[in-house]
Amino acid sequence: MAQQGKGDQPTSSESTVTVLVALATNAAIALAKGVAAALSGSAAMAAETAHSVVDTANEVILLVALRRSERPADRHRPFGYGPERFFWSFVAAVSIFVSGAIFAALEGLRSIFGPGHESAEVALSTIVLGIAFVLEGTSWVRATRQVRSDAREHHQSVRELLRSTDDPTVKTVFYEDSAALVGVVLAMAGVWLHAATGSALWDGLASLLIAAVLALVAFLLARTNKDLLVGSAADPRLVRALGRWLASRPEVDALVDLLTERIGTDRVLVCARLDFVDGLSGSDIERLALAMDRELRREFPDVAEVFLEPVPRHDEQLRAEVRARYGDRVASALEETAAEPR
């Protein structure tokens, strides 16, 4: 979440631990489910095996995202490599759908419309799924604790944080583990209903429901990462705080325009157009801009890059651009700020 608060390093470290816990858990579960699926022939168990294999691969992708996004800025990426975390998290979201949801759906259709098969190794499947539920629950508790901790730090509800966070790694782990717990319950129901009724229909339906859960999670994660990849403004609370801070400077007559963009997890680019007070020389404005840049970064640790441009507040073309971008309400709020007495 890009707003006033702690820097990126603690969050990245905590996210790495969360991903590592999920990776170890999913790898062990995938192996156990695979053995049970092979012995039982259950479509639901096969779907859950694919689910866990995909989750394991995704954790590896997320570790790559964390590592690559922390590289320092260079001449090829002057604003840093933060968006790499968004890209690789998007890849993970797509892989959930392509590899997991489609496979589970095909297994479900095969079980429903293909030649029926007897229910086998129900006890083994039950034991494996029970252990999987405990292990997935352990990983889910870890991810949930981090989500709640981040929500408290940013004074948000968990729902608000999941909707607006710019750390896609922990969100991906949380959604994957939540889907995994639901998938285990569905697979258990399919295995037992198949054993109780002798009909493979229940096994197939469970697999189709698992596919639907995976598709939903993939959609939610892809939508979030798409917004981050194509560029989005910083958290509205941070934007308002930045606007108030800039407009309150004694050297600033008016805040004419303010643009922000998230360029990584807890990294924000700030571009502000300011009408400085009359009587300042060019060298005065240069020194003031440099001082404001440094003070702004100290006041708001998530601000990574700052660009300040001196402009006249009454330029009609510039005011029209602001209104076209933000709408009348935000543009009017900027003008009211400019009109406030000093």
Foldseek 3Di string as FASTA:
>chain_A
DAFFDDADVVVLVLLLVLLVLLLVLLVVLLVLLVVLCVFFVFLLSVLLSQLSVLSNVLSVLLVVQSVQQPDQADPVRNQGNQLSNLVSLLVSLVCLQPRRLVSLLVSLVCCQPPDHDFGPPLVSLVVSLVVSLVSLVVSLVSLVVVLVVVCVRVVHDSVVCLQAAQRLSSNLSNLSSVLSNVSSVLCNQLSVVCNVPVGSNSSSVSSNVSSVSSNVSSVSSNVVSVDQNVKDFHDPVRQVVVLVVVLPDPQFLFWQDWTWTDPHGLAIEIETETATDPPDDPVRVVVVVVVCQVVVCVRGVSYDHYHYHYDDNPDPVSLVVRCVVPNDVVSVVRVVSSVDDD
